[in-house]
């Protein structure tokens, strides 16, 4: 059995992969619900609002983890869905600063020791008209995370090897009005992770596997 990669090995692998400017939009397409009206891989329409999310990596119990949240039922758009910590940029704010600020507000991310590795490919979300920019960052220690009561119903600390397990990727169906939609999703810690979050995780998984798509 292969040894479990350390945080520093994963960090080095991701840094090298994120130095490449090559878009990896095909990984988004593979995890996109179908049909997905108003969306095509790699296209962000003019006038889309900018948002950022954080893919936070840290060690815990001898394995590397990342963070997801289940949104509170009271937050309106995307209520109850599983997502990465993040949100819209404030005026004059950078994508990296917004991702970190939102993580602090939503899950109590500590202010010190965070290393930003780079960005994944941007992704357009038609239902909210957001251009989503995922930021990858690392902490050397397991942070104590606290959910914001008004925004986050649950914090999920997911082992990377759980995402890498082929059996975590499944396929289901949803209804949009009277239209039946095929939905790929990851099943992680008893939660279904689909839509934009699954698409971001699909690209992240591709980098972890060293199999970038042109």
N, C-alpha and C. Protein backbone atom coordinates (compact mmCIF):
# COMPACT_ATOMS: atom_id res chain seq x y z
N UNK A 1 0.84 -1.20 0.00
CA UNK A 1 0.00 0.00 0.00
C UNK A 1 0.88 1.25 0.00
N UNK A 2 0.57 2.21 -0.86
CA UNK A 2 1.36 3.42 -0.96
C UNK A 2 1.22 4.24 0.31
N UNK A 3 2.31 4.94 0.68
CA UNK A 3 2.28 5.79 1.85
C UNK A 3 1.36 6.98 1.61
N UNK A 4 0.69 7.43 2.68
CA UNK A 4 -0.18 8.59 2.57
C UNK A 4 0.65 9.84 2.37
N UNK A 5 0.40 10.65 1.32
CA UNK A 5 1.18 11.86 1.10
C UNK A 5 1.05 12.83 2.28
N UNK A 6 2.15 13.49 2.60
CA UNK A 6 2.11 14.49 3.66
C UNK A 6 1.55 15.80 3.11
N UNK A 7 1.23 16.69 4.03
CA UNK A 7 0.76 18.02 3.63
C UNK A 7 1.80 18.71 2.75
N UNK A 8 3.07 18.57 3.10
CA UNK A 8 4.11 19.28 2.36
C UNK A 8 4.32 18.68 0.97
N UNK A 9 4.14 17.38 0.84
CA UNK A 9 4.20 16.77 -0.49
C UNK A 9 3.04 17.25 -1.37
N UNK A 10 1.85 17.31 -0.78
CA UNK A 10 0.68 17.78 -1.53
C UNK A 10 0.84 19.26 -1.88
N UNK A 11 1.36 20.03 -0.94
CA UNK A 11 1.59 21.46 -1.21
C UNK A 11 2.55 21.64 -2.39
N UNK A 12 3.64 20.89 -2.40
CA UNK A 12 4.61 21.02 -3.49
C UNK A 12 3.98 20.63 -4.83
N UNK A 13 3.19 19.57 -4.82
CA UNK A 13 2.52 19.11 -6.05
C UNK A 13 1.56 20.18 -6.56
N UNK A 14 0.78 20.77 -5.65
CA UNK A 14 -0.20 21.77 -6.06
C UNK A 14 0.48 23.05 -6.53
N UNK A 15 1.53 23.46 -5.83
CA UNK A 15 2.25 24.66 -6.27
C UNK A 15 2.74 24.50 -7.71
N UNK A 16 3.32 23.35 -8.00
CA UNK A 16 3.83 23.12 -9.35
C UNK A 16 2.70 23.13 -10.37
N UNK A 17 1.57 22.51 -10.03
CA UNK A 17 0.44 22.45 -10.96
C UNK A 17 -0.18 23.82 -11.18
N UNK A 18 -0.28 24.62 -10.10
CA UNK A 18 -0.93 25.92 -10.20
C UNK A 18 -0.07 26.97 -10.88
N UNK A 19 1.21 26.69 -11.08
CA UNK A 19 2.07 27.60 -11.83
C UNK A 19 1.71 27.59 -13.31
N UNK A 20 1.06 26.53 -13.77
CA UNK A 20 0.67 26.43 -15.17
C UNK A 20 -0.56 27.29 -15.42
N UNK A 21 -0.52 28.15 -16.46
CA UNK A 21 -1.69 28.98 -16.77
C UNK A 21 -2.76 28.23 -17.57
N UNK A 22 -2.53 26.95 -17.84
CA UNK A 22 -3.45 26.20 -18.69
C UNK A 22 -4.82 26.05 -18.03
N UNK A 23 -5.90 26.53 -18.65
CA UNK A 23 -7.24 26.33 -18.07
C UNK A 23 -7.58 24.84 -18.03
N UNK A 24 -8.38 24.48 -17.03
CA UNK A 24 -8.78 23.08 -16.87
C UNK A 24 -10.31 22.98 -16.87
N UNK A 25 -10.92 23.65 -17.84
CA UNK A 25 -12.38 23.75 -17.85
C UNK A 25 -13.07 22.42 -18.15
N UNK A 26 -12.37 21.49 -18.81
CA UNK A 26 -13.00 20.21 -19.11
C UNK A 26 -13.33 19.43 -17.83
N UNK A 27 -12.56 19.67 -16.77
CA UNK A 27 -12.90 19.02 -15.51
C UNK A 27 -14.20 19.58 -14.94
N UNK A 28 -14.47 20.87 -15.20
CA UNK A 28 -15.76 21.44 -14.80
C UNK A 28 -16.89 20.78 -15.57
N UNK A 29 -16.70 20.64 -16.88
CA UNK A 29 -17.76 20.07 -17.72
C UNK A 29 -18.11 18.65 -17.28
N UNK A 30 -17.12 17.89 -16.84
CA UNK A 30 -17.36 16.51 -16.45
C UNK A 30 -18.25 16.41 -15.21
N UNK A 31 -18.23 17.43 -14.34
CA UNK A 31 -19.01 17.40 -13.11
C UNK A 31 -20.24 18.32 -13.18
N UNK A 32 -20.50 18.90 -14.33
CA UNK A 32 -21.63 19.83 -14.46
C UNK A 32 -22.95 19.07 -14.60
N UNK A 33 -24.02 19.56 -13.96
CA UNK A 33 -25.35 18.99 -14.21
C UNK A 33 -25.70 19.13 -15.69
N UNK A 34 -26.47 18.17 -16.21
CA UNK A 34 -26.82 18.19 -17.64
C UNK A 34 -28.31 17.94 -17.82
N UNK A 35 -28.99 18.76 -18.64
CA UNK A 35 -28.46 19.96 -19.29
C UNK A 35 -28.27 21.10 -18.28
N UNK A 36 -27.35 22.00 -18.58
CA UNK A 36 -27.06 23.14 -17.73
C UNK A 36 -27.24 24.40 -18.56
N UNK A 37 -28.45 24.93 -18.57
CA UNK A 37 -28.78 26.07 -19.42
C UNK A 37 -28.04 27.32 -18.95
N UNK A 38 -27.61 28.12 -19.92
CA UNK A 38 -26.91 29.37 -19.62
C UNK A 38 -25.46 29.19 -19.23
N UNK A 39 -24.90 27.99 -19.47
CA UNK A 39 -23.51 27.74 -19.06
C UNK A 39 -22.78 26.96 -20.13
N UNK A 40 -21.53 27.33 -20.35
CA UNK A 40 -20.64 26.51 -21.16
C UNK A 40 -19.25 26.59 -20.54
N UNK A 41 -18.52 25.50 -20.61
CA UNK A 41 -17.23 25.41 -19.95
C UNK A 41 -16.28 26.51 -20.41
N UNK A 42 -15.71 27.23 -19.47
CA UNK A 42 -14.70 28.24 -19.77
C UNK A 42 -15.22 29.61 -20.11
N UNK A 43 -16.54 29.76 -20.25
CA UNK A 43 -17.10 31.06 -20.66
C UNK A 43 -17.68 31.79 -19.45
N UNK A 44 -17.26 33.05 -19.27
CA UNK A 44 -17.81 33.92 -18.23
C UNK A 44 -18.35 35.16 -18.91
N UNK A 45 -19.65 35.39 -18.86
CA UNK A 45 -20.22 36.53 -19.58
C UNK A 45 -19.82 37.87 -18.97
N UNK A 46 -19.79 38.87 -19.80
CA UNK A 46 -19.52 40.21 -19.34
C UNK A 46 -20.64 40.64 -18.37
N UNK A 47 -20.28 41.26 -17.28
CA UNK A 47 -21.28 41.70 -16.31
C UNK A 47 -21.49 40.73 -15.16
N UNK A 48 -20.83 39.56 -15.20
CA UNK A 48 -20.93 38.62 -14.08
C UNK A 48 -20.27 39.23 -12.85
N UNK A 49 -20.87 38.99 -11.69
CA UNK A 49 -20.28 39.45 -10.43
C UNK A 49 -19.15 38.51 -10.01
N UNK A 50 -18.17 39.07 -9.30
CA UNK A 50 -17.01 38.27 -8.91
C UNK A 50 -17.15 37.77 -7.48
N UNK A 51 -16.86 36.48 -7.30
CA UNK A 51 -16.88 35.87 -5.98
C UNK A 51 -15.65 34.98 -5.83
N UNK A 52 -15.31 34.68 -4.59
CA UNK A 52 -14.14 33.85 -4.30
C UNK A 52 -14.51 32.80 -3.27
N UNK A 53 -13.92 31.61 -3.40
CA UNK A 53 -14.07 30.56 -2.39
C UNK A 53 -12.69 30.05 -2.02
N UNK A 54 -12.60 29.44 -0.83
CA UNK A 54 -11.31 28.97 -0.32
C UNK A 54 -11.29 27.45 -0.24
N UNK A 55 -10.29 26.85 -0.89
CA UNK A 55 -10.00 25.42 -0.72
C UNK A 55 -8.88 25.36 0.31
N UNK A 56 -9.25 25.10 1.56
CA UNK A 56 -8.32 25.16 2.69
C UNK A 56 -7.82 23.76 3.03
N UNK A 57 -6.50 23.57 3.02
CA UNK A 57 -5.88 22.28 3.34
C UNK A 57 -5.16 22.37 4.67
N UNK A 58 -5.25 21.29 5.46
CA UNK A 58 -4.56 21.25 6.75
C UNK A 58 -4.44 19.80 7.20
N UNK A 59 -3.49 19.52 8.11
CA UNK A 59 -3.33 18.16 8.61
C UNK A 59 -4.22 17.91 9.83
N UNK A 60 -4.73 16.71 9.94
CA UNK A 60 -5.50 16.29 11.12
C UNK A 60 -5.52 14.77 11.17
N UNK A 61 -5.19 14.22 12.30
CA UNK A 61 -5.24 12.77 12.52
C UNK A 61 -4.47 12.01 11.43
N UNK A 62 -3.27 12.53 11.13
CA UNK A 62 -2.32 11.88 10.21
C UNK A 62 -2.76 11.93 8.74
N UNK A 63 -3.76 12.73 8.41
CA UNK A 63 -4.20 12.85 7.03
C UNK A 63 -4.45 14.31 6.69
N UNK A 64 -4.34 14.63 5.40
CA UNK A 64 -4.63 15.99 4.93
C UNK A 64 -6.13 16.12 4.68
N UNK A 65 -6.69 17.21 5.16
CA UNK A 65 -8.12 17.49 5.06
C UNK A 65 -8.37 18.79 4.30
N UNK A 66 -9.60 18.97 3.84
CA UNK A 66 -10.07 20.25 3.35
C UNK A 66 -11.44 20.52 3.96
N UNK A 67 -11.92 21.76 3.80
CA UNK A 67 -13.13 22.19 4.49
C UNK A 67 -14.28 22.44 3.51
N UNK A 68 -15.44 21.93 3.87
CA UNK A 68 -16.70 22.28 3.22
C UNK A 68 -17.67 22.75 4.29
N UNK A 69 -18.70 23.44 3.88
CA UNK A 69 -19.76 23.84 4.81
C UNK A 69 -21.12 23.50 4.21
N UNK A 70 -22.05 23.16 5.09
CA UNK A 70 -23.45 23.10 4.65
C UNK A 70 -24.11 24.40 5.07
N UNK A 71 -24.62 25.11 4.09
CA UNK A 71 -25.17 26.43 4.33
C UNK A 71 -26.46 26.35 5.15
N UNK A 72 -26.68 27.35 5.97
CA UNK A 72 -27.89 27.40 6.78
C UNK A 72 -29.11 27.55 5.88
N UNK A 73 -30.25 27.09 6.35
CA UNK A 73 -31.50 27.17 5.57
C UNK A 73 -32.01 28.59 5.43
N UNK A 74 -31.42 29.52 6.17
CA UNK A 74 -31.91 30.90 6.20
C UNK A 74 -31.15 31.86 5.29
N UNK A 75 -30.14 31.36 4.54
CA UNK A 75 -29.28 32.28 3.81
C UNK A 75 -29.83 32.66 2.44
N UNK A 76 -30.95 32.10 2.03
CA UNK A 76 -31.54 32.48 0.74
C UNK A 76 -30.98 31.64 -0.38
N UNK A 77 -30.25 32.28 -1.32
CA UNK A 77 -29.74 31.56 -2.49
C UNK A 77 -28.78 30.46 -2.07
N UNK A 78 -28.96 29.28 -2.62
CA UNK A 78 -28.13 28.10 -2.33
C UNK A 78 -28.30 27.62 -0.88
N UNK A 79 -29.40 27.97 -0.22
CA UNK A 79 -29.63 27.55 1.17
C UNK A 79 -29.61 26.04 1.28
N UNK A 80 -28.96 25.53 2.34
CA UNK A 80 -28.92 24.11 2.61
C UNK A 80 -27.93 23.32 1.78
N UNK A 81 -27.29 23.95 0.82
CA UNK A 81 -26.35 23.23 -0.04
C UNK A 81 -24.97 23.17 0.60
N UNK A 82 -24.18 22.20 0.17
CA UNK A 82 -22.80 22.08 0.62
C UNK A 82 -21.91 22.90 -0.31
N UNK A 83 -21.03 23.69 0.28
CA UNK A 83 -20.20 24.58 -0.52
C UNK A 83 -18.84 24.78 0.14
N UNK A 84 -17.95 25.41 -0.58
CA UNK A 84 -16.69 25.88 -0.03
C UNK A 84 -16.92 27.24 0.63
N UNK A 85 -16.18 27.56 1.68
CA UNK A 85 -16.34 28.89 2.29
C UNK A 85 -16.03 29.98 1.27
N UNK A 86 -16.85 31.02 1.22
CA UNK A 86 -16.59 32.09 0.27
C UNK A 86 -17.79 32.98 0.06
N UNK A 87 -17.61 33.95 -0.83
CA UNK A 87 -18.69 34.89 -1.13
C UNK A 87 -18.21 35.99 -2.05
N UNK A 88 -19.04 37.01 -2.21
CA UNK A 88 -18.76 38.11 -3.13
C UNK A 88 -17.63 39.00 -2.62
N UNK A 89 -16.91 39.61 -3.56
CA UNK A 89 -15.86 40.55 -3.22
C UNK A 89 -16.45 41.87 -2.75
N UNK A 90 -15.82 42.46 -1.75
CA UNK A 90 -16.12 43.83 -1.38
C UNK A 90 -15.40 44.76 -2.35
N UNK A 91 -15.82 46.02 -2.39
CA UNK A 91 -15.21 46.98 -3.30
C UNK A 91 -13.72 47.13 -3.00
N UNK A 92 -12.90 47.02 -4.05
CA UNK A 92 -11.46 47.18 -3.91
C UNK A 92 -10.73 45.99 -3.34
N UNK A 93 -11.42 44.88 -3.13
CA UNK A 93 -10.84 43.70 -2.50
C UNK A 93 -10.30 42.74 -3.55
N UNK A 94 -9.18 42.10 -3.26
CA UNK A 94 -8.64 41.09 -4.17
C UNK A 94 -9.37 39.77 -3.98
N UNK A 95 -9.23 38.89 -4.95
CA UNK A 95 -9.86 37.58 -4.87
C UNK A 95 -9.33 36.80 -3.67
N UNK A 96 -8.01 36.82 -3.46
CA UNK A 96 -7.43 36.09 -2.33
C UNK A 96 -7.92 36.66 -1.00
N UNK A 97 -7.96 37.99 -0.89
CA UNK A 97 -8.41 38.62 0.35
C UNK A 97 -9.86 38.29 0.64
N UNK A 98 -10.69 38.26 -0.40
CA UNK A 98 -12.12 37.96 -0.22
C UNK A 98 -12.31 36.52 0.24
N UNK A 99 -11.58 35.58 -0.36
CA UNK A 99 -11.71 34.17 0.03
C UNK A 99 -11.34 33.98 1.50
N UNK A 100 -10.26 34.63 1.93
CA UNK A 100 -9.81 34.50 3.32
C UNK A 100 -10.78 35.20 4.26
N UNK A 101 -11.23 36.39 3.90
CA UNK A 101 -12.19 37.12 4.76
C UNK A 101 -13.47 36.32 4.94
N UNK A 102 -14.00 35.79 3.86
CA UNK A 102 -15.25 35.03 3.95
C UNK A 102 -15.06 33.79 4.82
N UNK A 103 -13.90 33.14 4.71
CA UNK A 103 -13.64 31.96 5.54
C UNK A 103 -13.54 32.35 7.01
N UNK A 104 -12.98 33.49 7.29
CA UNK A 104 -12.94 33.96 8.68
C UNK A 104 -14.35 34.21 9.21
N UNK A 105 -15.18 34.82 8.37
CA UNK A 105 -16.54 35.14 8.80
C UNK A 105 -17.40 33.90 8.95
N UNK A 106 -17.23 32.93 8.05
CA UNK A 106 -18.12 31.76 8.02
C UNK A 106 -17.68 30.65 8.96
N UNK A 107 -16.37 30.42 9.08
CA UNK A 107 -15.90 29.26 9.85
C UNK A 107 -14.86 29.63 10.89
N UNK A 108 -14.61 30.91 11.10
CA UNK A 108 -13.64 31.33 12.12
C UNK A 108 -12.21 30.98 11.78
N UNK A 109 -11.84 31.05 10.50
CA UNK A 109 -10.48 30.73 10.07
C UNK A 109 -9.47 31.59 10.82
N UNK A 110 -8.43 30.99 11.42
CA UNK A 110 -7.41 31.77 12.12
C UNK A 110 -6.72 32.76 11.19
N UNK A 111 -6.23 33.84 11.76
CA UNK A 111 -5.64 34.90 10.95
C UNK A 111 -4.18 34.70 10.60
N UNK A 112 -3.51 33.75 11.25
CA UNK A 112 -2.06 33.61 11.07
C UNK A 112 -1.71 32.26 10.43
N UNK A 113 -0.57 32.26 9.72
CA UNK A 113 0.00 31.01 9.23
C UNK A 113 -0.54 30.48 7.93
N UNK A 114 -1.41 31.22 7.27
CA UNK A 114 -2.02 30.73 6.03
C UNK A 114 -1.09 31.00 4.85
N UNK A 115 -0.87 29.98 4.02
CA UNK A 115 -0.07 30.13 2.81
C UNK A 115 -0.97 29.93 1.59
N UNK A 116 -1.07 30.95 0.76
CA UNK A 116 -1.87 30.86 -0.46
C UNK A 116 -1.01 30.26 -1.56
N UNK A 117 -1.52 29.17 -2.18
CA UNK A 117 -0.77 28.46 -3.22
C UNK A 117 -1.10 28.95 -4.62
N UNK A 118 -2.30 29.44 -4.83
CA UNK A 118 -2.71 29.88 -6.16
C UNK A 118 -4.20 29.72 -6.36
N UNK A 119 -4.62 29.90 -7.60
CA UNK A 119 -6.04 29.82 -7.95
C UNK A 119 -6.31 28.67 -8.90
N UNK A 120 -7.48 28.07 -8.73
CA UNK A 120 -8.00 27.15 -9.74
C UNK A 120 -8.70 27.96 -10.83
N UNK A 121 -9.22 27.29 -11.84
CA UNK A 121 -9.86 27.98 -12.97
C UNK A 121 -11.17 28.64 -12.53
N UNK A 122 -11.45 29.85 -13.02
CA UNK A 122 -12.73 30.49 -12.70
C UNK A 122 -13.89 29.74 -13.31
N UNK A 123 -15.06 29.90 -12.71
CA UNK A 123 -16.24 29.13 -13.09
C UNK A 123 -17.47 30.03 -13.00
N UNK A 124 -18.28 30.02 -14.05
CA UNK A 124 -19.50 30.85 -14.06
C UNK A 124 -20.68 30.07 -13.49
N UNK A 125 -21.46 30.74 -12.61
CA UNK A 125 -22.65 30.15 -12.01
C UNK A 125 -23.87 30.93 -12.50
N UNK A 126 -24.62 30.40 -13.46
CA UNK A 126 -25.73 31.16 -14.06
C UNK A 126 -26.80 31.59 -13.07
N UNK A 127 -27.16 30.73 -12.10
CA UNK A 127 -28.30 31.02 -11.24
C UNK A 127 -28.06 32.26 -10.39
N UNK A 128 -26.81 32.54 -10.05
CA UNK A 128 -26.50 33.72 -9.23
C UNK A 128 -25.70 34.77 -9.99
N UNK A 129 -25.36 34.49 -11.25
CA UNK A 129 -24.57 35.39 -12.09
C UNK A 129 -23.22 35.72 -11.46
N UNK A 130 -22.61 34.74 -10.81
CA UNK A 130 -21.29 34.91 -10.22
C UNK A 130 -20.22 34.26 -11.08
N UNK A 131 -19.07 34.94 -11.21
CA UNK A 131 -17.85 34.33 -11.71
C UNK A 131 -17.06 33.91 -10.48
N UNK A 132 -16.98 32.60 -10.26
CA UNK A 132 -16.41 32.05 -9.03
C UNK A 132 -14.92 31.77 -9.22
N UNK A 133 -14.10 32.29 -8.31
CA UNK A 133 -12.66 32.12 -8.37
C UNK A 133 -12.19 31.33 -7.14
N UNK A 134 -11.82 30.06 -7.30
CA UNK A 134 -11.36 29.26 -6.16
C UNK A 134 -9.89 29.54 -5.84
N UNK A 135 -9.59 29.73 -4.56
CA UNK A 135 -8.23 29.99 -4.07
C UNK A 135 -7.81 28.81 -3.20
N UNK A 136 -6.62 28.28 -3.44
CA UNK A 136 -6.10 27.15 -2.66
C UNK A 136 -5.10 27.67 -1.64
N UNK A 137 -5.26 27.26 -0.38
CA UNK A 137 -4.35 27.71 0.68
C UNK A 137 -4.12 26.58 1.67
N UNK A 138 -3.04 26.73 2.46
CA UNK A 138 -2.59 25.67 3.38
C UNK A 138 -2.34 26.26 4.77
N UNK A 139 -2.71 25.49 5.78
CA UNK A 139 -2.31 25.74 7.17
C UNK A 139 -1.48 24.55 7.65
N UNK A 140 -0.47 24.81 8.46
CA UNK A 140 0.39 23.73 8.96
C UNK A 140 -0.25 22.94 10.09
N UNK A 141 -1.23 23.53 10.78
CA UNK A 141 -1.85 22.88 11.92
C UNK A 141 -3.36 22.80 11.74
N UNK A 142 -3.95 21.86 12.46
CA UNK A 142 -5.40 21.68 12.45
C UNK A 142 -6.06 22.88 13.12
N UNK A 143 -6.82 23.70 12.38
CA UNK A 143 -7.43 24.87 12.99
C UNK A 143 -8.69 24.50 13.78
N UNK A 144 -8.98 25.30 14.78
CA UNK A 144 -10.25 25.18 15.49
C UNK A 144 -11.26 26.05 14.74
N UNK A 145 -12.23 25.41 14.10
CA UNK A 145 -13.18 26.12 13.25
C UNK A 145 -14.53 26.21 13.94
N UNK A 146 -15.16 27.37 13.83
CA UNK A 146 -16.44 27.62 14.49
C UNK A 146 -17.43 28.15 13.45
N UNK A 147 -18.57 27.49 13.24
CA UNK A 147 -19.52 27.95 12.21
C UNK A 147 -20.23 29.24 12.63
N UNK A 148 -20.40 30.14 11.68
CA UNK A 148 -21.21 31.34 11.91
C UNK A 148 -22.67 30.91 11.96
N UNK A 149 -23.32 31.16 13.07
CA UNK A 149 -24.66 30.60 13.31
C UNK A 149 -25.67 31.00 12.25
N UNK A 150 -25.55 32.20 11.70
CA UNK A 150 -26.54 32.68 10.73
C UNK A 150 -26.26 32.21 9.32
N UNK A 151 -25.08 31.63 9.07
CA UNK A 151 -24.70 31.27 7.70
C UNK A 151 -24.40 29.79 7.50
N UNK A 152 -23.87 29.13 8.52
CA UNK A 152 -23.33 27.78 8.36
C UNK A 152 -24.03 26.82 9.32
N UNK A 153 -24.65 25.77 8.76
CA UNK A 153 -25.31 24.76 9.58
C UNK A 153 -24.34 23.68 10.03
N UNK A 154 -23.30 23.42 9.22
CA UNK A 154 -22.36 22.34 9.54
C UNK A 154 -21.04 22.59 8.86
N UNK A 155 -19.94 22.33 9.56
CA UNK A 155 -18.61 22.34 8.97
C UNK A 155 -18.17 20.90 8.73
N UNK A 156 -17.72 20.61 7.51
CA UNK A 156 -17.23 19.28 7.17
C UNK A 156 -15.71 19.36 6.99
N UNK A 157 -14.97 18.57 7.76
CA UNK A 157 -13.53 18.43 7.58
C UNK A 157 -13.31 17.10 6.87
N UNK A 158 -13.03 17.17 5.59
CA UNK A 158 -13.03 15.99 4.72
C UNK A 158 -11.60 15.58 4.40
N UNK A 159 -11.28 14.31 4.60
CA UNK A 159 -9.98 13.80 4.18
C UNK A 159 -9.87 13.83 2.66
N UNK A 160 -8.72 14.25 2.17
CA UNK A 160 -8.48 14.24 0.73
C UNK A 160 -8.65 12.84 0.16
N UNK A 161 -8.24 11.82 0.91
CA UNK A 161 -8.35 10.46 0.38
C UNK A 161 -9.81 10.04 0.22
N UNK A 162 -10.74 10.67 0.96
CA UNK A 162 -12.16 10.39 0.77
C UNK A 162 -12.62 10.94 -0.59
N UNK A 163 -12.15 12.14 -0.94
CA UNK A 163 -12.46 12.70 -2.26
C UNK A 163 -11.85 11.86 -3.36
N UNK A 164 -10.66 11.31 -3.12
CA UNK A 164 -9.97 10.51 -4.13
C UNK A 164 -10.55 9.11 -4.31
N UNK A 165 -11.36 8.67 -3.38
CA UNK A 165 -11.98 7.34 -3.47
C UNK A 165 -12.96 7.34 -4.66
N UNK A 166 -12.75 6.50 -5.66
CA UNK A 166 -13.64 6.49 -6.82
C UNK A 166 -15.11 6.28 -6.48
N UNK A 167 -15.38 5.60 -5.38
CA UNK A 167 -16.78 5.34 -5.03
C UNK A 167 -17.49 6.57 -4.48
N UNK A 168 -16.74 7.65 -4.20
CA UNK A 168 -17.39 8.87 -3.71
C UNK A 168 -18.11 9.63 -4.83
N UNK A 169 -17.72 9.38 -6.09
CA UNK A 169 -18.37 10.04 -7.22
C UNK A 169 -19.58 9.22 -7.66
N UNK A 170 -20.73 9.86 -7.64
CA UNK A 170 -21.98 9.17 -7.97
C UNK A 170 -22.78 10.03 -8.94
N UNK A 171 -23.91 9.48 -9.39
CA UNK A 171 -24.77 10.19 -10.34
C UNK A 171 -26.22 10.06 -9.88
N UNK A 172 -26.91 11.18 -9.94
CA UNK A 172 -28.32 11.19 -9.55
C UNK A 172 -29.12 12.08 -10.46
N UNK A 173 -30.32 12.42 -10.01
CA UNK A 173 -31.23 13.23 -10.81
C UNK A 173 -31.85 14.31 -9.93
N UNK A 174 -32.11 15.46 -10.54
CA UNK A 174 -32.86 16.53 -9.88
C UNK A 174 -33.89 17.05 -10.87
N UNK A 175 -34.89 17.72 -10.34
CA UNK A 175 -35.91 18.34 -11.20
C UNK A 175 -35.79 19.86 -11.10
N UNK A 176 -35.73 20.52 -12.26
CA UNK A 176 -35.80 21.98 -12.32
C UNK A 176 -37.09 22.31 -13.06
N UNK A 177 -38.08 22.76 -12.29
CA UNK A 177 -39.44 22.91 -12.82
C UNK A 177 -39.88 21.54 -13.35
N UNK A 178 -40.09 21.40 -14.66
CA UNK A 178 -40.51 20.11 -15.21
C UNK A 178 -39.39 19.42 -15.98
N UNK A 179 -38.17 19.93 -15.84
CA UNK A 179 -37.03 19.38 -16.57
C UNK A 179 -36.22 18.46 -15.67
N UNK A 180 -35.95 17.24 -16.13
CA UNK A 180 -35.15 16.28 -15.38
C UNK A 180 -33.68 16.49 -15.73
N UNK A 181 -32.85 16.64 -14.68
CA UNK A 181 -31.45 16.99 -14.87
C UNK A 181 -30.56 15.90 -14.29
N UNK A 182 -29.59 15.44 -15.07
CA UNK A 182 -28.60 14.48 -14.58
C UNK A 182 -27.55 15.24 -13.76
N UNK A 183 -27.29 14.75 -12.55
CA UNK A 183 -26.42 15.48 -11.63
C UNK A 183 -25.30 14.57 -11.11
N UNK A 184 -24.06 14.77 -11.59
CA UNK A 184 -22.92 14.10 -10.93
C UNK A 184 -22.70 14.75 -9.57
N UNK A 185 -22.30 13.96 -8.58
CA UNK A 185 -22.03 14.55 -7.27
C UNK A 185 -21.04 13.68 -6.51
N UNK A 186 -20.35 14.32 -5.55
CA UNK A 186 -19.52 13.59 -4.61
C UNK A 186 -20.33 13.35 -3.34
N UNK A 187 -20.28 12.13 -2.83
CA UNK A 187 -20.89 11.86 -1.54
C UNK A 187 -19.78 11.86 -0.49
N UNK A 188 -19.78 12.88 0.37
CA UNK A 188 -18.72 13.09 1.34
C UNK A 188 -19.34 13.29 2.72
N UNK A 189 -18.98 12.45 3.64
CA UNK A 189 -19.49 12.53 5.01
C UNK A 189 -21.01 12.61 5.07
N UNK A 190 -21.64 11.80 4.22
CA UNK A 190 -23.09 11.73 4.22
C UNK A 190 -23.79 12.88 3.53
N UNK A 191 -23.04 13.77 2.89
CA UNK A 191 -23.62 14.93 2.20
C UNK A 191 -23.41 14.79 0.70
N UNK A 192 -24.37 15.27 -0.07
CA UNK A 192 -24.21 15.31 -1.52
C UNK A 192 -23.63 16.66 -1.94
N UNK A 193 -22.49 16.61 -2.62
CA UNK A 193 -21.79 17.82 -3.05
C UNK A 193 -21.90 17.89 -4.56
N UNK A 194 -22.67 18.83 -5.06
CA UNK A 194 -22.95 18.87 -6.49
C UNK A 194 -22.82 20.32 -6.99
N UNK A 195 -23.11 20.51 -8.27
CA UNK A 195 -23.09 21.85 -8.85
C UNK A 195 -21.70 22.45 -8.88
N UNK A 196 -21.62 23.76 -8.66
CA UNK A 196 -20.34 24.47 -8.78
C UNK A 196 -19.28 23.92 -7.83
N UNK A 197 -19.68 23.54 -6.61
CA UNK A 197 -18.70 23.02 -5.65
C UNK A 197 -18.11 21.71 -6.14
N UNK A 198 -18.93 20.82 -6.67
CA UNK A 198 -18.41 19.57 -7.22
C UNK A 198 -17.49 19.83 -8.41
N UNK A 199 -17.82 20.84 -9.20
CA UNK A 199 -16.99 21.16 -10.36
C UNK A 199 -15.62 21.68 -9.94
N UNK A 200 -15.59 22.52 -8.90
CA UNK A 200 -14.31 22.99 -8.36
C UNK A 200 -13.52 21.82 -7.79
N UNK A 201 -14.18 20.95 -7.04
CA UNK A 201 -13.49 19.79 -6.46
C UNK A 201 -13.00 18.83 -7.54
N UNK A 202 -13.72 18.75 -8.65
CA UNK A 202 -13.27 17.92 -9.75
C UNK A 202 -11.94 18.40 -10.31
N UNK A 203 -11.79 19.71 -10.45
CA UNK A 203 -10.51 20.25 -10.92
C UNK A 203 -9.41 20.03 -9.88
N UNK A 204 -9.75 20.28 -8.63
CA UNK A 204 -8.80 20.07 -7.54
C UNK A 204 -8.32 18.62 -7.52
N UNK A 205 -9.24 17.69 -7.68
CA UNK A 205 -8.90 16.27 -7.71
C UNK A 205 -7.99 15.95 -8.89
N UNK A 206 -8.25 16.58 -10.01
CA UNK A 206 -7.42 16.38 -11.20
C UNK A 206 -5.98 16.78 -10.92
N UNK A 207 -5.78 17.90 -10.21
CA UNK A 207 -4.43 18.34 -9.88
C UNK A 207 -3.76 17.38 -8.89
N UNK A 208 -4.52 16.90 -7.94
CA UNK A 208 -3.97 15.95 -6.97
C UNK A 208 -3.50 14.66 -7.65
N UNK A 209 -4.18 14.29 -8.70
CA UNK A 209 -3.85 13.06 -9.42
C UNK A 209 -2.79 13.28 -10.49
N UNK A 210 -2.38 14.56 -10.66
CA UNK A 210 -1.35 14.87 -11.63
C UNK A 210 -1.78 14.64 -13.05
N UNK A 211 -3.11 14.88 -13.26
CA UNK A 211 -3.68 14.58 -14.59
C UNK A 211 -4.42 15.81 -15.08
N UNK A 212 -3.65 16.85 -15.43
CA UNK A 212 -4.27 18.08 -15.88
C UNK A 212 -4.85 17.93 -17.27
N UNK A 213 -5.94 18.65 -17.48
CA UNK A 213 -6.61 18.60 -18.79
C UNK A 213 -6.36 19.87 -19.55
N UNK A 214 -5.93 19.79 -20.80
CA UNK A 214 -5.69 20.98 -21.61
C UNK A 214 -6.99 21.61 -22.05
